[in-house]
């Protein structure tokens, strides 16, 4: 995909967001659509597959701040296929230009360096060339250079669900991903095997065509060849001439120790393939970590594990030595006499074993209240209550009310 394609595509509409949407709103909209339209969730549904590709393409541009800014600028300058009777904002040139015979004699081609002079020096061809991926390359006459320019592949995002233990310890996982890849039939050429391509008869291989609108003439990407300057003789039956087809790939993903829920892992060069010799995009794997039955992760430091341990009232009052679990084994924890319910103890080095150092295990003790008491226990509890009724734990709390 080149910036030339941006003129005719509304990525904001594809994702169902406004052009002023925040990064989080764009991400939220993409994740919702990706889950609904993913080929794995819609096997054999060609419409859903096409929408999935369009949504992925839109997110690939809008999630990148630089690409989004360039896309917005391109759409702003060339919205609707050209300038609306003048320059952006509707500001025309009622007085014309010197030597042009007024506005009717002004040709925007001169502005882009496509005049009949020595060609291109000083015009805006280089400036607007960047908006179309031209990067300043021009023909000898000063216009846009055509042909099949290398195009980098789009980035792809996928999701991988892993167990809590693998997220903490690290693991090597296998990921099956359904995404665009180089067509196996035409090997990316877009042409049916045994056939070739020819110069586009509409643009003459330039990749752009000139069009007049009122007083102005301007160039736009050729729709027949999609700005490549070449037209295949017979489109590939598998990819329809795009050179790219959706396929299932099996990849090995190394999950580092300590990866957190929602974190992304980048696999360089594993995204969509580039076109015309361009480099491939990247694959971003978003982690979804399954919660553990007893362990959790600290909000302050994800490398610290958390654990809640139920204890009895006598253990808190008299003190005790508890045996508590870790991910690997068990550890002894001494509870001092008079410990309050809800106190947290730190066991050093028993958390996530990350490269930057091991985290800790945070053990929070909570008194367990029995649901029922037998006759002997109830009698003993009443005896305790009678013996301690002179001690009011709420004395300080109610001091101001007396």
Protein backbone atom coordinates (compact mmCIF):
# COMPACT_ATOMS: atom_id res chain seq x y z
CA UNK A 1 0.00 0.00 0.00
CA UNK A 2 1.31 3.46 -0.90
CA UNK A 3 0.22 6.91 0.19
CA UNK A 4 -1.44 7.22 -3.21
CA UNK A 5 -4.07 4.74 -2.03
CA UNK A 6 -4.87 6.95 0.95
CA UNK A 7 -6.73 9.47 -1.19
CA UNK A 8 -9.54 7.00 -1.92
CA UNK A 9 -9.66 5.23 1.45
CA UNK A 10 -11.32 6.45 4.65
CA UNK A 11 -9.54 4.57 7.41
CA UNK A 12 -11.50 6.33 10.14
CA UNK A 13 -14.76 5.09 8.64
CA UNK A 14 -13.35 1.56 8.38
CA UNK A 15 -12.79 1.55 12.16
CA UNK A 16 -15.99 3.45 12.92
CA UNK A 17 -14.24 6.34 14.71
CA UNK A 18 -13.97 10.07 14.13
CA UNK A 19 -10.88 11.72 12.69
CA UNK A 20 -10.24 13.25 16.12
CA UNK A 21 -10.32 9.88 17.91
CA UNK A 22 -7.60 9.25 20.48
CA UNK A 23 -5.06 6.43 20.19
CA UNK A 24 -6.92 4.43 22.85
CA UNK A 25 -10.25 4.85 21.02
CA UNK A 26 -8.68 3.69 17.76
CA UNK A 27 -7.09 0.68 19.47
CA UNK A 28 -10.36 -0.24 21.21
CA UNK A 29 -12.34 -0.02 17.94
CA UNK A 30 -9.77 -2.13 16.07
CA UNK A 31 -9.63 -4.85 18.72
CA UNK A 32 -13.42 -5.14 18.74
CA UNK A 33 -13.64 -5.40 14.93
CA UNK A 34 -10.66 -7.74 14.69
CA UNK A 35 -12.29 -10.20 17.09
CA UNK A 36 -15.58 -10.08 15.17
CA UNK A 37 -14.07 -10.34 11.68
CA UNK A 38 -11.07 -12.63 12.23
CA UNK A 39 -11.03 -15.50 9.69
CA UNK A 40 -10.75 -18.02 12.53
CA UNK A 41 -14.11 -16.80 13.84
CA UNK A 42 -15.67 -16.66 10.35
CA UNK A 43 -14.41 -19.69 8.41
CA UNK A 44 -15.32 -19.51 4.73
CA UNK A 45 -16.81 -16.01 5.00
CA UNK A 46 -15.17 -14.03 2.19
CA UNK A 47 -16.92 -10.81 3.16
CA UNK A 48 -15.65 -10.98 6.75
CA UNK A 49 -12.16 -11.79 5.47
CA UNK A 50 -12.17 -8.75 3.18
CA UNK A 51 -13.36 -6.52 6.01
CA UNK A 52 -10.71 -7.98 8.32
CA UNK A 53 -7.98 -7.04 5.83
CA UNK A 54 -9.42 -3.54 5.42
CA UNK A 55 -9.65 -3.00 9.18
CA UNK A 56 -6.09 -4.28 9.68
CA UNK A 57 -4.83 -1.96 6.95
CA UNK A 58 -6.61 1.00 8.55
CA UNK A 59 -5.20 0.22 12.00
CA UNK A 60 -1.70 -0.21 10.58
CA UNK A 61 -1.78 3.43 9.46
CA UNK A 62 -3.77 5.09 12.25
CA UNK A 63 -1.86 3.35 15.07
CA UNK A 64 1.43 4.79 13.82
CA UNK A 65 1.70 8.50 14.77
CA UNK A 66 3.89 9.38 11.78
CA UNK A 67 1.77 7.48 9.26
CA UNK A 68 -1.42 8.92 10.74
CA UNK A 69 -0.13 12.48 10.48
CA UNK A 70 0.94 11.90 6.88
CA UNK A 71 -2.41 10.27 6.07
CA UNK A 72 -4.35 13.17 7.60
CA UNK A 73 -2.30 15.67 5.63
CA UNK A 74 -2.80 13.74 2.40
CA UNK A 75 -6.54 13.52 2.93
CA UNK A 76 -6.69 17.18 3.84
CA UNK A 77 -4.91 18.28 0.68
CA UNK A 78 -6.58 15.90 -1.75
CA UNK A 79 -9.94 15.07 -0.16
CA UNK A 80 -12.53 14.21 -2.74
CA UNK A 81 -9.93 13.64 -5.46
CA UNK A 82 -8.57 17.15 -5.75
CA UNK A 83 -8.80 20.79 -4.77
CA UNK A 84 -12.33 22.16 -4.51
CA UNK A 85 -12.06 25.03 -6.95
CA UNK A 86 -8.79 26.19 -5.47
CA UNK A 87 -6.46 25.35 -2.66
CA UNK A 88 -7.48 23.66 0.60
CA UNK A 89 -10.07 25.72 2.43
CA UNK A 90 -11.64 26.92 -0.81
CA UNK A 91 -9.20 29.81 -1.25
CA UNK A 92 -8.89 30.28 -4.98
CA UNK A 93 -6.91 32.82 -6.95
CA UNK A 94 -9.40 35.40 -8.25
CA UNK A 95 -6.66 37.60 -9.57
CA UNK A 96 -4.79 34.86 -11.34
CA UNK A 97 -1.03 34.71 -11.66
CA UNK A 98 1.27 37.00 -13.60
CA UNK A 99 1.59 35.83 -17.16
CA UNK A 100 -1.15 33.24 -16.78
CA UNK A 101 -4.06 35.29 -18.04
CA UNK A 102 -6.02 35.09 -14.80
CA UNK A 103 -7.28 32.03 -12.96
CA UNK A 104 -8.47 30.32 -16.14
CA UNK A 105 -4.93 30.16 -17.45
CA UNK A 106 -3.36 28.63 -14.32
CA UNK A 107 -2.33 24.97 -14.57
CA UNK A 108 -1.58 23.22 -11.29
CA UNK A 109 0.85 21.07 -13.24
CA UNK A 110 3.22 24.03 -13.20
CA UNK A 111 2.99 24.11 -9.42
CA UNK A 112 4.08 20.48 -9.29
CA UNK A 113 7.01 21.09 -11.61
CA UNK A 114 5.29 19.57 -14.68
CA UNK A 115 5.43 22.62 -16.88
CA UNK A 116 7.09 22.88 -20.23
CA UNK A 117 10.19 24.54 -18.87
CA UNK A 118 13.43 22.93 -17.91
CA UNK A 119 11.49 20.80 -15.60
CA UNK A 120 10.76 20.51 -12.01
CA UNK A 121 13.32 22.70 -10.37
CA UNK A 122 11.81 24.71 -7.60
CA UNK A 123 8.22 23.47 -8.01
CA UNK A 124 6.24 21.66 -5.33
CA UNK A 125 6.76 18.28 -6.96
CA UNK A 126 9.29 17.23 -4.38
CA UNK A 127 7.11 18.46 -1.53
CA UNK A 128 3.95 16.66 -2.60
CA UNK A 129 5.96 13.71 -3.86
CA UNK A 130 6.60 12.78 -0.26
CA UNK A 131 2.87 12.55 0.36
CA UNK A 132 2.60 9.91 -2.36
CA UNK A 133 5.63 7.88 -1.36
CA UNK A 134 7.59 9.45 -4.22
CA UNK A 135 10.31 10.63 -1.84
CA UNK A 136 11.37 13.33 -4.29
CA UNK A 137 12.03 11.02 -7.24
CA UNK A 138 10.94 12.68 -10.49
CA UNK A 139 11.15 12.09 -14.20
CA UNK A 140 13.43 13.97 -16.49
CA UNK A 141 10.52 16.27 -17.32
CA UNK A 142 9.99 17.08 -13.66
CA UNK A 143 6.86 14.97 -13.07
CA UNK A 144 6.27 11.97 -10.86
CA UNK A 145 8.27 8.91 -11.69
CA UNK A 146 6.15 5.83 -12.29
CA UNK A 147 6.83 2.14 -12.01
CA UNK A 148 6.69 -0.34 -9.19
CA UNK A 149 8.30 1.33 -6.21
CA UNK A 150 9.21 -0.86 -3.22
CA UNK A 151 6.42 -0.83 -0.67
CA UNK A 152 6.82 -1.91 2.93
CA UNK A 153 4.31 -4.45 4.18
CA UNK A 154 1.75 -3.49 6.80
CA UNK A 155 2.17 -4.42 10.45
CA UNK A 156 -0.05 -7.22 11.78
CA UNK A 157 -1.37 -7.74 15.30
CA UNK A 158 -2.42 -11.07 16.78
CA UNK A 159 -3.39 -12.32 20.24
CA UNK A 160 -1.89 -15.21 22.18
CA UNK A 161 -3.45 -16.62 25.36
CA UNK A 162 -0.93 -18.17 27.76
CA UNK A 163 -1.15 -19.71 31.27
CA UNK A 164 -0.12 -17.62 34.27
CA UNK A 165 2.89 -19.84 34.98
CA UNK A 166 4.27 -19.45 31.43
CA UNK A 167 3.88 -15.68 31.62
CA UNK A 168 5.85 -15.60 34.87
CA UNK A 169 8.57 -18.11 33.97
CA UNK A 170 8.79 -17.51 30.21
CA UNK A 171 8.09 -20.07 27.51
CA UNK A 172 8.33 -20.87 23.83
CA UNK A 173 4.85 -20.95 22.29
CA UNK A 174 3.47 -21.90 18.88
CA UNK A 175 1.21 -19.33 17.24
CA UNK A 176 -1.08 -20.06 14.29
CA UNK A 177 -1.91 -16.77 12.61
CA UNK A 178 -4.22 -16.10 9.69
CA UNK A 179 -2.95 -13.02 7.89
CA UNK A 180 -1.96 -11.74 4.43
CA UNK A 181 1.18 -13.29 3.01
CA UNK A 182 2.98 -13.57 -0.30
CA UNK A 183 0.79 -15.49 -2.75
CA UNK A 184 2.18 -18.99 -3.27
CA UNK A 185 0.74 -19.23 -6.78
CA UNK A 186 2.21 -16.09 -8.36
CA UNK A 187 4.97 -15.51 -5.76
CA UNK A 188 3.85 -11.92 -5.32
CA UNK A 189 3.81 -10.86 -8.98
CA UNK A 190 0.00 -10.73 -9.19
CA UNK A 191 0.03 -12.46 -12.58
CA UNK A 192 -1.22 -15.93 -13.46
CA UNK A 193 1.75 -18.32 -13.74
CA UNK A 194 3.08 -18.31 -17.29
CA UNK A 195 1.89 -14.77 -17.99
CA UNK A 196 3.45 -11.37 -17.43
CA UNK A 197 2.57 -7.71 -17.30
CA UNK A 198 2.60 -4.73 -19.62
CA UNK A 199 2.86 -0.97 -19.34
CA UNK A 200 -0.40 0.61 -18.26
CA UNK A 201 -2.04 2.15 -21.38
CA UNK A 202 -3.88 4.76 -19.32
CA UNK A 203 -0.94 6.41 -17.56
CA UNK A 204 1.83 5.21 -19.88
CA UNK A 205 3.69 3.63 -17.00
CA UNK A 206 3.87 6.82 -14.94
CA UNK A 207 1.50 5.56 -12.26
CA UNK A 208 -0.36 8.90 -12.24
CA UNK A 209 -2.82 10.58 -14.58
CA UNK A 210 -3.65 14.25 -15.08
CA UNK A 211 -7.20 15.47 -14.65
CA UNK A 212 -8.85 18.88 -14.95
CA UNK A 213 -11.39 20.28 -12.53
CA UNK A 214 -12.59 23.78 -13.30
CA UNK A 215 -9.64 26.08 -13.59
CA UNK A 216 -7.16 23.56 -12.27
CA UNK A 217 -5.32 20.56 -13.59
CA UNK A 218 -3.71 18.10 -11.23
CA UNK A 219 -2.32 14.59 -11.03
CA UNK A 220 -3.72 11.62 -9.13
CA UNK A 221 -2.82 7.91 -8.85
CA UNK A 222 -3.89 5.86 -11.85
CA UNK A 223 -6.80 3.65 -10.85
CA UNK A 224 -6.24 1.10 -13.62
CA UNK A 225 -2.77 0.11 -12.44
CA UNK A 226 -3.17 1.28 -8.82
CA UNK A 227 -0.24 3.62 -9.23
CA UNK A 228 2.26 0.89 -10.18
CA UNK A 229 2.54 1.74 -13.87
CA UNK A 230 2.08 -1.94 -14.81
CA UNK A 231 -0.99 -4.05 -15.57
CA UNK A 232 -0.87 -7.85 -15.39
CA UNK A 233 -1.98 -9.68 -18.53
CA UNK A 234 -3.99 -12.25 -16.55
CA UNK A 235 -4.62 -11.78 -12.82
CA UNK A 236 -3.57 -14.61 -10.53
CA UNK A 237 -6.65 -16.76 -9.72
CA UNK A 238 -5.62 -17.08 -6.06
CA UNK A 239 -4.92 -13.45 -5.12
CA UNK A 240 -6.83 -11.63 -7.87
CA UNK A 241 -3.74 -9.74 -8.98
CA UNK A 242 -2.76 -8.34 -5.57
CA UNK A 243 0.21 -10.66 -5.11
CA UNK A 244 -0.96 -11.23 -1.53
CA UNK A 245 -3.34 -13.85 -0.18
CA UNK A 246 -4.60 -14.72 3.29
CA UNK A 247 -2.99 -17.84 4.70
CA UNK A 248 -2.41 -19.60 8.00
CA UNK A 249 1.17 -19.41 9.21
CA UNK A 250 2.73 -21.24 12.15
CA UNK A 251 5.25 -19.17 14.07
CA UNK A 252 7.34 -19.83 17.16
CA UNK A 253 7.10 -17.05 19.74
CA UNK A 254 9.56 -16.71 22.59
CA UNK A 255 7.64 -15.30 25.56
CA UNK A 256 10.06 -13.61 28.00
CA UNK A 257 9.73 -14.20 31.74
CA UNK A 258 7.50 -11.63 33.39
CA UNK A 259 5.32 -10.73 30.42
CA UNK A 260 2.13 -9.05 31.61
CA UNK A 261 -1.48 -9.24 30.47
CA UNK A 262 -2.04 -6.88 27.51
CA UNK A 263 1.68 -6.52 26.75
CA UNK A 264 2.80 -6.71 23.11
CA UNK A 265 5.77 -8.66 21.75
CA UNK A 266 7.24 -7.43 18.46
CA UNK A 267 8.46 -9.93 15.85
CA UNK A 268 10.35 -7.92 13.22
CA UNK A 269 9.68 -8.88 9.61
CA UNK A 270 6.83 -11.28 10.43
CA UNK A 271 3.99 -9.01 9.29
CA UNK A 272 2.55 -8.58 5.81
CA UNK A 273 5.07 -9.07 3.00
CA UNK A 274 6.40 -6.05 1.14
CA UNK A 275 5.60 -5.49 -2.51
CA UNK A 276 7.96 -4.89 -5.40
CA UNK A 277 11.00 -5.71 -3.30
CA UNK A 278 9.91 -3.74 -0.24
CA UNK A 279 10.60 -5.04 3.30
CA UNK A 280 7.89 -6.90 5.24
CA UNK A 281 6.04 -5.33 8.14
CA UNK A 282 6.24 -6.45 11.75
CA UNK A 283 4.03 -8.79 13.76
CA UNK A 284 2.83 -7.63 17.17
CA UNK A 285 1.62 -10.40 19.48
CA UNK A 286 -0.58 -9.15 22.31
CA UNK A 287 -0.45 -11.35 25.40
CA UNK A 288 -3.61 -12.49 27.19
CA UNK A 289 -2.61 -14.09 30.51
CA UNK A 290 -4.99 -16.56 32.17
CA UNK A 291 -5.52 -15.70 35.86
CA UNK A 292 -4.01 -18.07 38.44
CA UNK A 293 -6.09 -19.79 41.10
CA UNK A 294 -4.13 -18.34 44.05
CA UNK A 295 -1.35 -16.07 42.76
CA UNK A 296 -1.63 -12.58 41.34
CA UNK A 297 0.67 -9.78 40.09
CA UNK A 298 1.42 -6.58 42.00
CA UNK A 299 0.06 -3.39 40.42
CA UNK A 300 3.14 -1.44 41.57
CA UNK A 301 5.69 -3.95 40.33
CA UNK A 302 4.53 -6.73 37.95
CA UNK A 303 7.60 -8.75 38.92
CA UNK A 304 6.21 -9.13 42.44
CA UNK A 305 3.70 -11.96 42.93
CA UNK A 306 0.85 -11.64 45.42
CA UNK A 307 -0.71 -14.30 47.62
CA UNK A 308 -3.52 -14.16 50.20
CA UNK A 309 -3.20 -16.67 53.05
CA UNK A 310 -6.10 -17.36 55.46
CA UNK A 311 -5.09 -17.64 59.14
CA UNK A 312 -6.92 -18.27 62.41
CA UNK A 313 -7.45 -15.67 65.11
CA UNK A 314 -5.18 -17.52 67.61
CA UNK A 315 -2.38 -17.59 65.01
CA UNK A 316 -2.52 -13.83 64.70
CA UNK A 317 -2.70 -13.27 68.46
CA UNK A 318 -0.12 -15.85 69.58
CA UNK A 319 2.09 -15.87 66.48
CA UNK A 320 2.79 -18.84 64.22
CA UNK A 321 5.03 -20.27 61.51
CA UNK A 322 3.10 -20.87 58.29
CA UNK A 323 3.97 -22.97 55.26
CA UNK A 324 2.93 -21.03 52.15
CA UNK A 325 3.19 -22.03 48.48
CA UNK A 326 5.40 -20.48 45.83
CA UNK A 327 5.30 -21.15 42.09
CA UNK A 328 8.09 -23.68 42.49
CA UNK A 329 7.68 -25.19 45.97
CA UNK A 330 6.85 -23.90 49.48
CA UNK A 331 8.44 -21.53 51.98
CA UNK A 332 8.14 -21.03 55.75
CA UNK A 333 6.77 -17.69 56.92
CA UNK A 334 6.94 -16.56 60.57
CA UNK A 335 3.98 -14.55 61.81
CA UNK A 336 4.78 -12.44 64.91
CA UNK A 337 2.38 -12.41 67.87
CA UNK A 338 -0.16 -9.59 67.66
CA UNK A 339 -0.19 -9.42 63.85
CA UNK A 340 -3.19 -7.58 62.44
CA UNK A 341 -5.38 -9.14 59.74
CA UNK A 342 -4.48 -7.71 56.32
CA UNK A 343 -0.76 -7.28 57.02
CA UNK A 344 1.53 -8.09 54.07
CA UNK A 345 4.87 -9.89 54.42
CA UNK A 346 7.59 -9.83 51.76
CA UNK A 347 9.40 -13.05 50.84
CA UNK A 348 12.50 -11.99 48.90
CA UNK A 349 13.33 -13.51 45.53
CA UNK A 350 10.25 -15.71 45.20
CA UNK A 351 8.52 -13.63 42.50
CA UNK A 352 9.14 -13.36 38.75
CA UNK A 353 12.64 -14.42 37.72
CA UNK A 354 13.18 -11.61 35.17
CA UNK A 355 16.41 -10.54 33.45
CA UNK A 356 16.58 -7.35 35.49
CA UNK A 357 16.34 -9.28 38.76
CA UNK A 358 13.94 -11.50 40.65
CA UNK A 359 10.75 -10.09 42.10
CA UNK A 360 9.35 -10.89 45.54
CA UNK A 361 6.37 -12.82 46.89
CA UNK A 362 3.96 -10.55 48.81
CA UNK A 363 1.97 -12.62 51.33
CA UNK A 364 -1.09 -11.00 52.88
CA UNK A 365 -2.56 -12.74 55.94
CA UNK A 366 -6.32 -12.53 56.43
CA UNK A 367 -8.21 -13.93 59.40
CA UNK A 368 -10.61 -16.73 58.43
CA UNK A 369 -14.03 -16.45 60.08
CA UNK A 370 -15.67 -19.86 60.63
CA UNK A 371 -19.20 -20.10 59.25
CA UNK A 372 -20.37 -22.45 62.03
CA UNK A 373 -19.16 -23.44 65.53
CA UNK A 374 -19.88 -26.60 67.44
CA UNK A 375 -21.11 -26.42 71.02
CA UNK A 376 -17.67 -26.59 72.62
CA UNK A 377 -16.19 -23.94 70.35
CA UNK A 378 -19.17 -21.64 70.85
CA UNK A 379 -18.83 -21.96 74.62
CA UNK A 380 -15.10 -21.25 74.48
CA UNK A 381 -15.72 -18.19 72.29
CA UNK A 382 -18.30 -16.85 74.75
CA UNK A 383 -15.88 -17.39 77.58
CA UNK A 384 -13.25 -15.42 75.67
CA UNK A 385 -15.76 -12.63 74.98
CA UNK A 386 -16.63 -12.41 78.66
CA UNK A 387 -12.97 -12.31 79.64
CA UNK A 388 -12.13 -9.48 77.23
CA UNK A 389 -15.29 -7.36 77.37
CA UNK A 390 -13.49 -4.66 79.32
CA UNK A 391 -11.28 -4.02 76.28
CA UNK A 392 -13.16 -1.93 73.68
CA UNK A 393 -11.43 -1.98 70.25
CA UNK A 394 -13.58 0.98 69.14
CA UNK A 395 -12.73 3.23 72.08
CA UNK A 396 -10.54 5.58 70.05
CA UNK A 397 -13.00 5.58 67.15
CA UNK A 398 -15.88 6.77 69.36
CA UNK A 399 -13.82 9.09 71.60
CA UNK A 400 -15.03 12.21 69.78
CA UNK A 401 -18.70 11.31 70.27
CA UNK A 402 -18.52 11.34 74.09
